[in-house]
């Protein structure tokens, strides 16, 4: 079987800085209740739940959903680094498409700590050891935190090959702030200029300032997916359908190419996007709105190319021409993206889903992209996994 899958309801809570958040069960319960209310269903109608988080103990997913209901359904805990939320979405979509279930919850949350990401288990091999070795070989700078070296190094490779200017990454960050200023759920709503970004504290000379990196964030988001038959039976919203979806992991190119852009998932994303375009019978030129994984301004620029929004090597022109915002070719990250909205790892993919569903419903208020019909979501986690999802307004 290959049933159509509809997003009947979405919900998220305002993202916050670590320390300003509620504990994860309360955050997750609020997002779940919001998604259920948006769908118009009770928890008792859910048949499965896929719950994603990165930093937490085993079965925290159960602890989170038990705040809303305890009906004995399967609860599957998901951890796939920064692509955790969209991986939960991927699994929920598969369950319905295969006919294994008719109404499923995908939930993501993160209760983060301040500061740079770090390993929890220091007494065993790190899943990033090969990434760290490749990064040490290609960029060095062991004094800089690894996440900055990964994505800053990828941006530096683009700068060295194509002459991309640091100011172009600043333009991306400034664009994110303008979009986020219209998003009541974003962490940072203050508009910053390109000059503000360039004047921010330097994290890597010539490569990155502080405002070009997303902040550690706490929050939660959720989606209720259902089959067409279930939606008809219960009178649920069928305006938004998942038209195609693909998930990829690393290929040999990640390390063999000796290119930091590959280390951070360029081919992984390109492959997932290609699968989605082919399955849907469309091309990137048909997209109206995109939520992509801008953990750093550098990754947003690289992702324009991996997703086919512009030619390889053409990302700087794409930015300078304003093709990444309202009035251009495709509006990217109308939510403000990870750079301004925040990046609570397990929740990010479902926050992207929430934004795109609202866009396709025409309910995004000041952020609304005119006549949005096709929306693409790109969520990537190093280690690695990438999920690309295409939503369609029916």
Protein backbone atom coordinates (compact mmCIF):
# COMPACT_ATOMS: atom_id res chain seq x y z
CA UNK A 1 0.00 0.00 0.00
CA UNK A 2 1.02 3.61 -0.51
CA UNK A 3 -1.65 5.78 1.05
CA UNK A 4 -1.63 9.55 0.76
CA UNK A 5 -0.47 11.20 3.97
CA UNK A 6 -1.99 14.46 5.20
CA UNK A 7 -0.77 16.87 7.87
CA UNK A 8 -3.97 17.36 9.84
CA UNK A 9 -2.52 19.46 12.62
CA UNK A 10 0.66 21.25 13.69
CA UNK A 11 1.73 22.98 16.87
CA UNK A 12 4.78 24.53 18.45
CA UNK A 13 5.65 26.73 21.38
CA UNK A 14 7.82 29.86 21.42
CA UNK A 15 11.49 28.91 21.49
CA UNK A 16 13.60 30.19 24.38
CA UNK A 17 17.17 30.44 25.58
CA UNK A 18 18.39 27.66 27.89
CA UNK A 19 17.39 28.46 31.44
CA UNK A 20 14.26 30.36 30.39
CA UNK A 21 12.44 27.19 29.40
CA UNK A 22 10.02 24.87 31.12
CA UNK A 23 11.17 21.27 31.72
CA UNK A 24 10.91 19.09 28.60
CA UNK A 25 7.70 17.21 29.57
CA UNK A 26 5.80 20.48 29.87
CA UNK A 27 7.22 21.92 26.65
CA UNK A 28 6.40 18.75 24.73
CA UNK A 29 2.91 18.52 26.21
CA UNK A 30 2.10 22.08 25.16
CA UNK A 31 3.23 21.45 21.58
CA UNK A 32 1.34 18.15 21.44
CA UNK A 33 -1.87 19.70 22.72
CA UNK A 34 -1.51 22.52 20.20
CA UNK A 35 -1.12 20.04 17.32
CA UNK A 36 -4.07 17.94 18.52
CA UNK A 37 -6.25 21.04 18.87
CA UNK A 38 -5.20 22.23 15.41
CA UNK A 39 -6.14 18.83 13.98
CA UNK A 40 -9.35 18.64 15.98
CA UNK A 41 -8.65 15.19 17.41
CA UNK A 42 -8.16 13.81 20.89
CA UNK A 43 -5.09 11.93 22.05
CA UNK A 44 -7.17 8.75 22.20
CA UNK A 45 -7.35 8.69 18.39
CA UNK A 46 -3.57 8.52 17.98
CA UNK A 47 -2.34 5.04 17.05
CA UNK A 48 1.42 5.61 17.27
CA UNK A 49 3.85 8.31 18.41
CA UNK A 50 7.38 9.01 17.20
CA UNK A 51 9.16 11.31 19.64
CA UNK A 52 12.51 12.92 18.87
CA UNK A 53 15.14 14.47 21.11
CA UNK A 54 18.96 14.48 21.19
CA UNK A 55 19.96 15.32 24.74
CA UNK A 56 17.93 13.16 27.09
CA UNK A 57 17.65 9.78 28.73
CA UNK A 58 16.05 6.76 27.10
CA UNK A 59 12.22 6.73 27.07
CA UNK A 60 12.00 10.49 27.58
CA UNK A 61 9.51 10.27 24.71
CA UNK A 62 7.13 8.31 26.91
CA UNK A 63 7.62 10.78 29.75
CA UNK A 64 6.69 13.58 27.37
CA UNK A 65 3.52 12.11 25.86
CA UNK A 66 2.28 10.68 29.17
CA UNK A 67 1.61 14.28 30.15
CA UNK A 68 -1.13 14.29 27.51
CA UNK A 69 -2.40 10.70 27.49
CA UNK A 70 -1.61 7.13 28.46
CA UNK A 71 -3.43 4.90 26.01
CA UNK A 72 -0.90 2.11 25.53
CA UNK A 73 0.05 3.03 21.97
CA UNK A 74 3.57 2.39 20.62
CA UNK A 75 5.91 5.26 21.50
CA UNK A 76 9.16 5.20 19.55
CA UNK A 77 12.08 7.36 20.73
CA UNK A 78 14.11 8.92 17.89
CA UNK A 79 17.63 10.43 17.95
CA UNK A 80 19.29 11.47 14.69
CA UNK A 81 21.21 14.54 15.75
CA UNK A 82 19.92 17.79 14.23
CA UNK A 83 17.63 15.91 11.80
CA UNK A 84 15.84 14.18 14.68
CA UNK A 85 12.51 16.00 14.31
CA UNK A 86 12.23 15.31 10.59
CA UNK A 87 13.30 11.71 11.16
CA UNK A 88 10.33 11.33 13.52
CA UNK A 89 8.20 12.86 10.76
CA UNK A 90 9.70 10.44 8.22
CA UNK A 91 8.82 7.44 10.37
CA UNK A 92 5.30 8.71 11.06
CA UNK A 93 4.74 9.29 7.35
CA UNK A 94 5.97 5.78 6.53
CA UNK A 95 3.61 4.24 9.07
CA UNK A 96 0.61 5.85 7.42
CA UNK A 97 1.75 5.44 3.80
CA UNK A 98 2.29 1.71 4.40
CA UNK A 99 -1.14 1.25 5.95
CA UNK A 100 0.29 0.30 9.36
CA UNK A 101 -1.54 3.20 11.01
CA UNK A 102 -4.06 5.91 10.17
CA UNK A 103 -3.33 8.65 12.71
CA UNK A 104 0.15 9.24 14.11
CA UNK A 105 1.91 11.87 16.21
CA UNK A 106 5.38 13.16 15.35
CA UNK A 107 6.80 15.14 18.27
CA UNK A 108 10.17 16.77 18.87
CA UNK A 109 11.62 18.62 21.83
CA UNK A 110 14.94 19.73 23.23
CA UNK A 111 16.00 20.91 26.68
CA UNK A 112 19.45 22.28 25.90
CA UNK A 113 22.29 23.66 27.98
CA UNK A 114 24.09 26.95 27.27
CA UNK A 115 27.26 26.96 25.19
CA UNK A 116 28.70 24.83 22.41
CA UNK A 117 27.45 21.29 21.78
CA UNK A 118 29.49 18.57 23.39
CA UNK A 119 29.71 14.82 23.81
CA UNK A 120 27.94 13.21 26.77
CA UNK A 121 29.73 9.85 26.71
CA UNK A 122 33.47 10.46 26.80
CA UNK A 123 34.46 6.85 27.59
CA UNK A 124 33.78 5.42 24.10
CA UNK A 125 34.36 6.22 20.41
CA UNK A 126 32.57 9.35 19.25
CA UNK A 127 30.21 9.04 16.27
CA UNK A 128 32.00 12.13 14.99
CA UNK A 129 35.55 10.79 15.13
CA UNK A 130 35.85 10.46 11.36
CA UNK A 131 34.30 13.90 10.87
CA UNK A 132 36.75 15.35 13.37
CA UNK A 133 39.72 13.72 11.65
CA UNK A 134 38.61 15.03 8.24
CA UNK A 135 38.09 18.51 9.66
CA UNK A 136 41.49 18.53 11.36
CA UNK A 137 43.09 17.56 8.05
CA UNK A 138 41.18 20.07 5.93
CA UNK A 139 40.93 23.16 8.12
CA UNK A 140 42.94 22.69 11.33
CA UNK A 141 42.18 25.41 13.91
CA UNK A 142 41.78 23.05 16.84
CA UNK A 143 41.23 26.05 19.12
CA UNK A 144 37.82 26.71 17.48
CA UNK A 145 34.74 24.67 18.59
CA UNK A 146 34.06 21.77 16.25
CA UNK A 147 30.63 22.84 14.97
CA UNK A 148 32.12 26.15 13.86
CA UNK A 149 35.01 24.35 12.18
CA UNK A 150 32.62 22.01 10.35
CA UNK A 151 30.34 24.65 8.86
CA UNK A 152 32.78 27.55 8.84
CA UNK A 153 35.18 25.27 7.01
CA UNK A 154 32.50 24.45 4.45
CA UNK A 155 31.82 28.14 3.93
CA UNK A 156 35.54 28.80 3.64
CA UNK A 157 35.82 26.15 0.91
CA UNK A 158 33.07 27.98 -1.01
CA UNK A 159 34.85 31.30 -0.51
CA UNK A 160 38.14 29.87 -1.74
CA UNK A 161 36.63 28.22 -4.84
CA UNK A 162 34.14 30.87 -5.93
CA UNK A 163 35.35 34.07 -4.30
CA UNK A 164 32.29 34.28 -2.08
CA UNK A 165 32.54 37.25 0.27
CA UNK A 166 32.02 37.21 4.02
CA UNK A 167 29.45 39.97 3.50
CA UNK A 168 27.27 37.48 1.61
CA UNK A 169 26.88 35.34 4.72
CA UNK A 170 26.03 38.54 6.59
CA UNK A 171 23.29 39.27 4.05
CA UNK A 172 21.80 35.82 4.75
CA UNK A 173 21.77 36.48 8.50
CA UNK A 174 20.21 39.90 8.01
CA UNK A 175 17.51 38.36 5.81
CA UNK A 176 16.77 35.81 8.54
CA UNK A 177 16.24 38.58 11.07
CA UNK A 178 13.82 40.45 8.80
CA UNK A 179 11.76 37.28 8.37
CA UNK A 180 11.83 36.46 12.08
CA UNK A 181 10.59 39.90 13.03
CA UNK A 182 7.17 38.74 11.79
CA UNK A 183 7.27 35.43 13.68
CA UNK A 184 5.89 35.58 17.23
CA UNK A 185 7.40 32.16 18.00
CA UNK A 186 10.99 33.10 17.06
CA UNK A 187 13.69 33.47 19.68
CA UNK A 188 15.31 36.56 18.13
CA UNK A 189 12.91 39.08 16.59
CA UNK A 190 15.24 42.07 16.39
CA UNK A 191 16.13 43.10 12.85
CA UNK A 192 19.87 43.32 12.24
CA UNK A 193 21.60 44.77 9.21
CA UNK A 194 24.43 43.31 7.18
CA UNK A 195 26.70 45.81 8.92
CA UNK A 196 25.50 44.68 12.35
CA UNK A 197 26.39 41.10 11.47
CA UNK A 198 29.83 42.07 10.23
CA UNK A 199 30.48 44.08 13.42
CA UNK A 200 29.49 41.22 15.73
CA UNK A 201 32.26 39.49 17.74
CA UNK A 202 34.57 37.48 15.50
CA UNK A 203 34.52 33.71 16.03
CA UNK A 204 36.86 32.83 13.15
CA UNK A 205 38.70 35.72 11.49
CA UNK A 206 37.64 36.16 7.89
CA UNK A 207 35.18 33.29 8.12
CA UNK A 208 32.50 33.86 10.76
CA UNK A 209 31.06 36.31 13.27
CA UNK A 210 28.85 35.32 16.19
CA UNK A 211 25.61 36.37 14.48
CA UNK A 212 26.28 33.93 11.64
CA UNK A 213 25.72 30.99 14.02
CA UNK A 214 22.40 29.79 15.45
CA UNK A 215 21.97 29.88 19.24
CA UNK A 216 21.40 26.92 21.60
CA UNK A 217 17.65 26.83 22.11
CA UNK A 218 14.92 25.02 24.02
CA UNK A 219 11.47 24.24 22.65
CA UNK A 220 9.06 21.75 21.15
CA UNK A 221 6.94 21.23 18.04
CA UNK A 222 4.57 18.51 16.83
CA UNK A 223 2.49 17.34 13.89
CA UNK A 224 -0.50 15.01 13.55
CA UNK A 225 -0.43 12.97 10.34
CA UNK A 226 -3.30 10.90 9.01
CA UNK A 227 -4.53 8.90 6.04
CA UNK A 228 -7.16 10.18 3.63
CA UNK A 229 -9.72 7.68 4.90
CA UNK A 230 -9.17 8.71 8.52
CA UNK A 231 -9.40 12.39 7.61
CA UNK A 232 -12.70 11.87 5.76
CA UNK A 233 -14.17 9.78 8.57
CA UNK A 234 -13.36 12.38 11.23
CA UNK A 235 -13.77 15.51 9.13
CA UNK A 236 -10.12 16.55 9.42
CA UNK A 237 -8.20 19.13 7.43
CA UNK A 238 -6.89 17.74 4.12
CA UNK A 239 -5.45 20.94 2.66
CA UNK A 240 -1.81 19.88 3.05
CA UNK A 241 -0.39 16.59 1.82
CA UNK A 242 3.14 15.19 1.96
CA UNK A 243 3.77 14.75 -1.75
CA UNK A 244 7.24 13.20 -1.50
CA UNK A 245 9.92 12.57 1.09
CA UNK A 246 13.42 11.09 1.18
CA UNK A 247 16.00 10.38 3.84
CA UNK A 248 19.68 9.86 3.10
CA UNK A 249 22.83 9.17 5.08
CA UNK A 250 26.49 9.67 4.25
CA UNK A 251 28.10 8.23 1.15
CA UNK A 252 31.82 7.72 0.54
CA UNK A 253 31.99 11.27 -0.83
CA UNK A 254 31.64 12.62 2.72
CA UNK A 255 35.28 11.82 3.42
CA UNK A 256 36.76 10.75 0.08
CA UNK A 257 36.09 14.10 -1.63
CA UNK A 258 38.42 15.94 0.78
CA UNK A 259 36.00 18.87 0.77
CA UNK A 260 34.42 20.39 3.87
CA UNK A 261 31.19 20.94 1.96
CA UNK A 262 30.91 17.17 1.64
CA UNK A 263 31.80 16.67 5.30
CA UNK A 264 28.74 18.74 6.25
CA UNK A 265 26.42 16.86 3.92
CA UNK A 266 26.31 18.51 0.49
CA UNK A 267 25.86 15.26 -1.48
CA UNK A 268 23.62 13.80 1.22
CA UNK A 269 21.23 16.75 0.79
CA UNK A 270 21.55 16.80 -3.00
CA UNK A 271 20.65 13.11 -3.20
CA UNK A 272 17.60 13.48 -0.95
CA UNK A 273 16.39 16.50 -2.92
CA UNK A 274 16.85 14.70 -6.24
CA UNK A 275 14.82 11.74 -4.99
CA UNK A 276 12.02 14.05 -3.88
CA UNK A 277 11.92 16.03 -7.13
CA UNK A 278 11.85 12.85 -9.20
CA UNK A 279 9.14 11.23 -7.07
CA UNK A 280 6.97 14.36 -7.29
CA UNK A 281 7.64 15.05 -10.97
CA UNK A 282 8.76 18.62 -10.30
CA UNK A 283 11.95 20.66 -10.24
CA UNK A 284 13.33 23.20 -7.77
CA UNK A 285 12.04 25.96 -10.03
CA UNK A 286 8.50 24.91 -9.09
CA UNK A 287 8.94 25.60 -5.37
CA UNK A 288 7.28 28.56 -3.70
CA UNK A 289 8.75 28.40 -0.21
CA UNK A 290 11.58 26.52 1.50
CA UNK A 291 12.54 25.95 5.12
CA UNK A 292 16.17 24.79 5.07
CA UNK A 293 18.75 23.92 7.70
CA UNK A 294 20.58 27.20 8.37
CA UNK A 295 22.43 26.22 11.55
CA UNK A 296 25.07 28.62 10.22
CA UNK A 297 24.65 31.22 7.48
CA UNK A 298 27.32 29.23 5.64
CA UNK A 299 25.14 26.13 5.52
CA UNK A 300 22.20 28.10 4.15
CA UNK A 301 24.34 29.33 1.26
CA UNK A 302 25.68 25.84 0.54
CA UNK A 303 22.18 24.38 0.76
CA UNK A 304 20.89 26.69 -1.98
CA UNK A 305 23.18 24.76 -4.29
CA UNK A 306 22.65 21.26 -2.90
CA UNK A 307 18.87 21.68 -3.19
CA UNK A 308 19.15 23.01 -6.74
CA UNK A 309 17.71 26.43 -5.92
CA UNK A 310 20.61 27.90 -7.89
CA UNK A 311 23.52 26.48 -9.90
CA UNK A 312 26.60 25.19 -8.07
CA UNK A 313 28.81 28.22 -7.61
CA UNK A 314 25.86 30.57 -8.07
CA UNK A 315 24.81 30.98 -4.44
CA UNK A 316 26.37 34.41 -3.93
CA UNK A 317 24.52 35.81 -6.96
CA UNK A 318 21.34 34.16 -5.67
CA UNK A 319 21.73 36.08 -2.40
CA UNK A 320 22.83 39.39 -3.88
CA UNK A 321 19.93 39.35 -6.37
CA UNK A 322 17.44 38.82 -3.52
CA UNK A 323 16.21 35.53 -4.97
CA UNK A 324 16.09 33.99 -1.47
CA UNK A 325 13.38 36.26 -0.06
CA UNK A 326 10.02 37.85 -0.81
CA UNK A 327 9.87 39.11 -4.38
CA UNK A 328 12.64 36.75 -5.48
CA UNK A 329 12.62 33.25 -6.92
CA UNK A 330 11.81 31.32 -3.74
CA UNK A 331 11.27 32.52 -0.17
CA UNK A 332 13.73 30.70 2.09
CA UNK A 333 13.15 30.40 5.83
CA UNK A 334 10.19 32.76 6.20
CA UNK A 335 10.12 31.67 9.86
CA UNK A 336 13.53 33.26 10.43
CA UNK A 337 15.18 29.85 10.24
CA UNK A 338 17.47 28.35 12.83
CA UNK A 339 19.54 31.54 12.86
CA UNK A 340 16.71 33.67 14.28
CA UNK A 341 13.91 31.30 15.27
CA UNK A 342 16.34 29.07 17.18
CA UNK A 343 17.50 25.47 16.93
CA UNK A 344 16.22 23.11 19.67
CA UNK A 345 17.68 20.07 17.93
CA UNK A 346 14.89 17.52 18.34
CA UNK A 347 12.17 20.08 17.60
CA UNK A 348 13.69 21.81 14.59
CA UNK A 349 12.33 19.51 11.88
CA UNK A 350 8.80 19.72 13.23
CA UNK A 351 9.03 23.49 13.64
CA UNK A 352 9.93 23.64 9.94
CA UNK A 353 6.91 21.45 9.21
CA UNK A 354 4.70 23.78 11.25
CA UNK A 355 5.84 26.83 9.30
CA UNK A 356 5.33 25.23 5.90
CA UNK A 357 1.90 23.86 6.73
CA UNK A 358 0.83 27.33 7.83
CA UNK A 359 2.24 28.77 4.61
CA UNK A 360 0.29 26.30 2.46
CA UNK A 361 -2.89 26.90 4.44
CA UNK A 362 -2.49 30.64 3.93
CA UNK A 363 -2.40 31.27 7.68
CA UNK A 364 1.17 32.58 8.10
CA UNK A 365 -0.04 36.16 8.56
CA UNK A 366 2.73 38.73 7.95
CA UNK A 367 5.09 35.95 6.83
CA UNK A 368 2.70 34.65 4.19
CA UNK A 369 4.18 33.76 0.81
CA UNK A 370 1.61 34.65 -1.84
CA UNK A 371 -0.19 31.70 -3.42
CA UNK A 372 2.15 29.12 -1.91
CA UNK A 373 1.40 25.69 -3.38
CA UNK A 374 4.63 23.67 -3.06
CA UNK A 375 6.88 23.85 -0.01
CA UNK A 376 10.20 22.08 0.58
CA UNK A 377 11.73 21.20 3.95
CA UNK A 378 15.43 20.38 4.41
CA UNK A 379 16.67 19.17 7.81
CA UNK A 380 20.21 17.88 8.21
CA UNK A 381 22.18 16.36 11.06
CA UNK A 382 25.86 15.52 11.00
CA UNK A 383 26.84 11.98 11.72
CA UNK A 384 24.86 11.98 9.41
CA UNK A 385 21.31 12.07 8.10
CA UNK A 386 19.29 14.39 5.88
CA UNK A 387 15.52 14.44 5.40
CA UNK A 388 13.92 16.39 2.56
CA UNK A 389 10.12 16.66 2.51
CA UNK A 390 7.84 18.17 -0.12
CA UNK A 391 4.44 19.45 0.99
CA UNK A 392 1.62 20.25 -1.44
CA UNK A 393 -1.48 22.37 -1.04
CA UNK A 394 -4.33 20.18 -2.22
